[in-house]
Amino acid sequence: MLQKISRLFVIKTPLEAYLIIYALALGAVERGSAYLIKFPGFGGKLLFLACTCAVFMAGAKILDCLKHEQRLAEKSE
């Protein structure tokens, strides 16, 4: 039963990856806009940029890992 539940949290297709990246981006922009309000000026802009850059790095890693797992699956067949 635990294995069935854990399979729900595995990213299998690029569509799932893009949906997760989109959700991360929405959260990062929301957090970044809160930083802009709390820290007006250059500091807030830097924190906003840090939030969005983190999404770009995480999204690239998710897509790279997905491609790597697909290559391994093809190789093992």
N, C-alpha and C. Protein backbone atom coordinates (compact mmCIF):
# COMPACT_ATOMS: atom_id res chain seq x y z
N MET A 1 0.82 -1.19 0.00
CA MET A 1 0.00 0.00 0.00
C MET A 1 0.87 1.26 0.00
N LEU A 2 1.93 1.22 0.79
CA LEU A 2 2.84 2.37 0.85
C LEU A 2 3.53 2.60 -0.48
N GLN A 3 3.81 1.52 -1.20
CA GLN A 3 4.44 1.65 -2.52
C GLN A 3 3.49 2.32 -3.51
N LYS A 4 2.21 2.00 -3.44
CA LYS A 4 1.23 2.63 -4.32
C LYS A 4 1.14 4.12 -4.05
N ILE A 5 1.17 4.50 -2.80
CA ILE A 5 1.11 5.91 -2.45
C ILE A 5 2.38 6.63 -2.89
N SER A 6 3.52 5.99 -2.73
CA SER A 6 4.78 6.64 -3.10
C SER A 6 4.89 6.84 -4.61
N ARG A 7 4.23 6.01 -5.41
CA ARG A 7 4.26 6.18 -6.87
C ARG A 7 3.53 7.44 -7.31
N LEU A 8 2.64 7.97 -6.47
CA LEU A 8 1.94 9.21 -6.81
C LEU A 8 2.89 10.40 -6.85
N PHE A 9 4.02 10.30 -6.14
CA PHE A 9 4.95 11.41 -6.04
C PHE A 9 6.14 11.28 -6.99
N VAL A 10 6.04 10.39 -7.96
CA VAL A 10 7.10 10.21 -8.95
C VAL A 10 6.70 10.93 -10.23
N ILE A 11 7.60 11.75 -10.74
CA ILE A 11 7.35 12.48 -11.98
C ILE A 11 7.70 11.54 -13.13
N LYS A 12 6.72 11.25 -13.98
CA LYS A 12 6.92 10.27 -15.05
C LYS A 12 6.96 10.89 -16.44
N THR A 13 6.26 11.98 -16.66
CA THR A 13 6.16 12.56 -17.99
C THR A 13 6.60 14.03 -17.96
N PRO A 14 6.99 14.55 -19.12
CA PRO A 14 7.35 15.97 -19.18
C PRO A 14 6.19 16.90 -18.81
N LEU A 15 4.97 16.50 -19.11
CA LEU A 15 3.82 17.32 -18.75
C LEU A 15 3.73 17.49 -17.23
N GLU A 16 3.92 16.40 -16.50
CA GLU A 16 3.91 16.48 -15.04
C GLU A 16 5.02 17.39 -14.55
N ALA A 17 6.19 17.29 -15.19
CA ALA A 17 7.32 18.13 -14.79
C ALA A 17 7.00 19.61 -15.03
N TYR A 18 6.43 19.92 -16.18
CA TYR A 18 6.10 21.31 -16.47
C TYR A 18 5.03 21.85 -15.53
N LEU A 19 4.08 21.02 -15.14
CA LEU A 19 3.05 21.46 -14.19
C LEU A 19 3.66 21.75 -12.82
N ILE A 20 4.60 20.93 -12.41
CA ILE A 20 5.27 21.15 -11.13
C ILE A 20 6.11 22.42 -11.19
N ILE A 21 6.82 22.62 -12.30
CA ILE A 21 7.64 23.82 -12.45
C ILE A 21 6.76 25.06 -12.46
N TYR A 22 5.61 24.97 -13.10
CA TYR A 22 4.67 26.09 -13.12
C TYR A 22 4.19 26.43 -11.70
N ALA A 23 3.88 25.40 -10.93
CA ALA A 23 3.43 25.63 -9.55
C ALA A 23 4.55 26.23 -8.72
N LEU A 24 5.78 25.76 -8.91
CA LEU A 24 6.92 26.36 -8.20
C LEU A 24 7.10 27.83 -8.58
N ALA A 25 6.92 28.13 -9.87
CA ALA A 25 7.08 29.50 -10.34
C ALA A 25 6.02 30.42 -9.75
N LEU A 26 4.79 29.93 -9.66
CA LEU A 26 3.73 30.74 -9.05
C LEU A 26 4.05 31.07 -7.59
N GLY A 27 4.52 30.07 -6.87
CA GLY A 27 4.89 30.29 -5.47
C GLY A 27 6.07 31.23 -5.33
N ALA A 28 7.05 31.11 -6.24
CA ALA A 28 8.22 31.96 -6.16
C ALA A 28 7.87 33.41 -6.46
N VAL A 29 7.01 33.63 -7.43
CA VAL A 29 6.60 35.00 -7.75
C VAL A 29 5.79 35.60 -6.61
N GLU A 30 4.95 34.79 -6.00
CA GLU A 30 4.18 35.27 -4.85
C GLU A 30 5.11 35.65 -3.70
N ARG A 31 6.08 34.78 -3.43
CA ARG A 31 7.05 35.07 -2.36
C ARG A 31 7.89 36.29 -2.71
N GLY A 32 8.30 36.38 -3.98
CA GLY A 32 9.09 37.51 -4.41
C GLY A 32 8.34 38.82 -4.32
N SER A 33 7.06 38.81 -4.64
CA SER A 33 6.27 40.04 -4.53
C SER A 33 6.11 40.45 -3.06
N ALA A 34 6.07 39.49 -2.16
CA ALA A 34 6.03 39.81 -0.73
C ALA A 34 7.35 40.45 -0.31
N TYR A 35 8.46 39.96 -0.87
CA TYR A 35 9.75 40.57 -0.58
C TYR A 35 9.82 42.00 -1.10
N LEU A 36 9.24 42.24 -2.27
CA LEU A 36 9.25 43.60 -2.82
C LEU A 36 8.48 44.57 -1.94
N ILE A 37 7.40 44.10 -1.32
CA ILE A 37 6.62 44.96 -0.44
C ILE A 37 7.36 45.18 0.88
N LYS A 38 7.92 44.10 1.42
CA LYS A 38 8.58 44.19 2.72
C LYS A 38 9.92 44.92 2.65
N PHE A 39 10.65 44.71 1.56
CA PHE A 39 11.97 45.32 1.38
C PHE A 39 11.97 46.14 0.10
N PRO A 40 11.44 47.34 0.11
CA PRO A 40 11.41 48.14 -1.11
C PRO A 40 12.83 48.54 -1.52
N GLY A 41 13.02 48.65 -2.82
CA GLY A 41 14.32 49.07 -3.32
C GLY A 41 15.12 47.90 -3.87
N PHE A 42 16.43 48.10 -3.85
CA PHE A 42 17.33 47.13 -4.48
C PHE A 42 17.33 45.77 -3.77
N GLY A 43 17.24 45.77 -2.44
CA GLY A 43 17.24 44.51 -1.68
C GLY A 43 16.05 43.64 -2.01
N GLY A 44 14.89 44.23 -2.15
CA GLY A 44 13.70 43.48 -2.50
C GLY A 44 13.79 42.90 -3.90
N LYS A 45 14.36 43.69 -4.81
CA LYS A 45 14.53 43.20 -6.18
C LYS A 45 15.51 42.03 -6.24
N LEU A 46 16.57 42.10 -5.43
CA LEU A 46 17.52 40.98 -5.39
C LEU A 46 16.87 39.71 -4.83
N LEU A 47 16.06 39.87 -3.80
CA LEU A 47 15.37 38.71 -3.23
C LEU A 47 14.35 38.13 -4.21
N PHE A 48 13.66 39.01 -4.94
CA PHE A 48 12.73 38.55 -5.98
C PHE A 48 13.48 37.75 -7.05
N LEU A 49 14.62 38.27 -7.46
CA LEU A 49 15.44 37.59 -8.46
C LEU A 49 15.93 36.25 -7.95
N ALA A 50 16.30 36.19 -6.68
CA ALA A 50 16.76 34.93 -6.10
C ALA A 50 15.65 33.88 -6.11
N CYS A 51 14.42 34.30 -5.81
CA CYS A 51 13.29 33.37 -5.82
C CYS A 51 13.06 32.80 -7.21
N THR A 52 13.08 33.66 -8.22
CA THR A 52 12.81 33.18 -9.58
C THR A 52 13.98 32.36 -10.13
N CYS A 53 15.21 32.72 -9.77
CA CYS A 53 16.36 31.93 -10.23
C CYS A 53 16.34 30.52 -9.64
N ALA A 54 15.87 30.42 -8.41
CA ALA A 54 15.79 29.09 -7.79
C ALA A 54 14.83 28.19 -8.57
N VAL A 55 13.76 28.76 -9.09
CA VAL A 55 12.81 27.98 -9.89
C VAL A 55 13.45 27.53 -11.19
N PHE A 56 14.22 28.41 -11.83
CA PHE A 56 14.89 28.03 -13.07
C PHE A 56 15.87 26.88 -12.83
N MET A 57 16.62 26.95 -11.75
CA MET A 57 17.57 25.88 -11.45
C MET A 57 16.86 24.57 -11.11
N ALA A 58 15.80 24.65 -10.31
CA ALA A 58 15.06 23.45 -9.95
C ALA A 58 14.38 22.84 -11.17
N GLY A 59 13.81 23.69 -12.03
CA GLY A 59 13.15 23.20 -13.23
C GLY A 59 14.12 22.52 -14.17
N ALA A 60 15.30 23.08 -14.33
CA ALA A 60 16.31 22.46 -15.19
C ALA A 60 16.73 21.10 -14.63
N LYS A 61 16.88 21.02 -13.33
CA LYS A 61 17.27 19.75 -12.69
C LYS A 61 16.17 18.70 -12.84
N ILE A 62 14.93 19.10 -12.67
CA ILE A 62 13.81 18.17 -12.83
C ILE A 62 13.77 17.62 -14.25
N LEU A 63 13.90 18.50 -15.24
CA LEU A 63 13.85 18.05 -16.64
C LEU A 63 15.05 17.18 -17.00
N ASP A 64 16.24 17.53 -16.49
CA ASP A 64 17.43 16.72 -16.76
C ASP A 64 17.29 15.32 -16.15
N CYS A 65 16.79 15.27 -14.93
CA CYS A 65 16.62 13.96 -14.28
C CYS A 65 15.58 13.12 -14.99
N LEU A 66 14.54 13.75 -15.49
CA LEU A 66 13.51 13.02 -16.22
C LEU A 66 14.08 12.42 -17.49
N LYS A 67 14.88 13.21 -18.24
CA LYS A 67 15.51 12.69 -19.46
C LYS A 67 16.49 11.57 -19.13
N HIS A 68 17.23 11.74 -18.05
CA HIS A 68 18.19 10.71 -17.65
C HIS A 68 17.49 9.40 -17.30
N GLU A 69 16.39 9.47 -16.56
CA GLU A 69 15.65 8.26 -16.21
C GLU A 69 15.05 7.58 -17.43
N GLN A 70 14.60 8.37 -18.42
CA GLN A 70 14.07 7.78 -19.65
C GLN A 70 15.17 7.08 -20.44
N ARG A 71 16.38 7.66 -20.48
CA ARG A 71 17.49 7.00 -21.16
C ARG A 71 17.87 5.70 -20.48
N LEU A 72 17.86 5.69 -19.15
CA LEU A 72 18.18 4.47 -18.42
C LEU A 72 17.13 3.39 -18.67
N ALA A 73 15.87 3.80 -18.75
CA ALA A 73 14.79 2.83 -18.99
C ALA A 73 14.92 2.24 -20.40
N GLU A 74 15.28 3.06 -21.38
CA GLU A 74 15.46 2.56 -22.74
C GLU A 74 16.66 1.64 -22.83
N LYS A 75 17.70 1.97 -22.10
CA LYS A 75 18.93 1.19 -22.13
C LYS A 75 18.74 -0.19 -21.49
N SER A 76 17.91 -0.26 -20.45
CA SER A 76 17.70 -1.52 -19.76
C SER A 76 16.76 -2.46 -20.51
N GLU A 77 16.02 -1.94 -21.48
CA GLU A 77 15.06 -2.79 -22.21
C GLU A 77 15.74 -3.67 -23.20
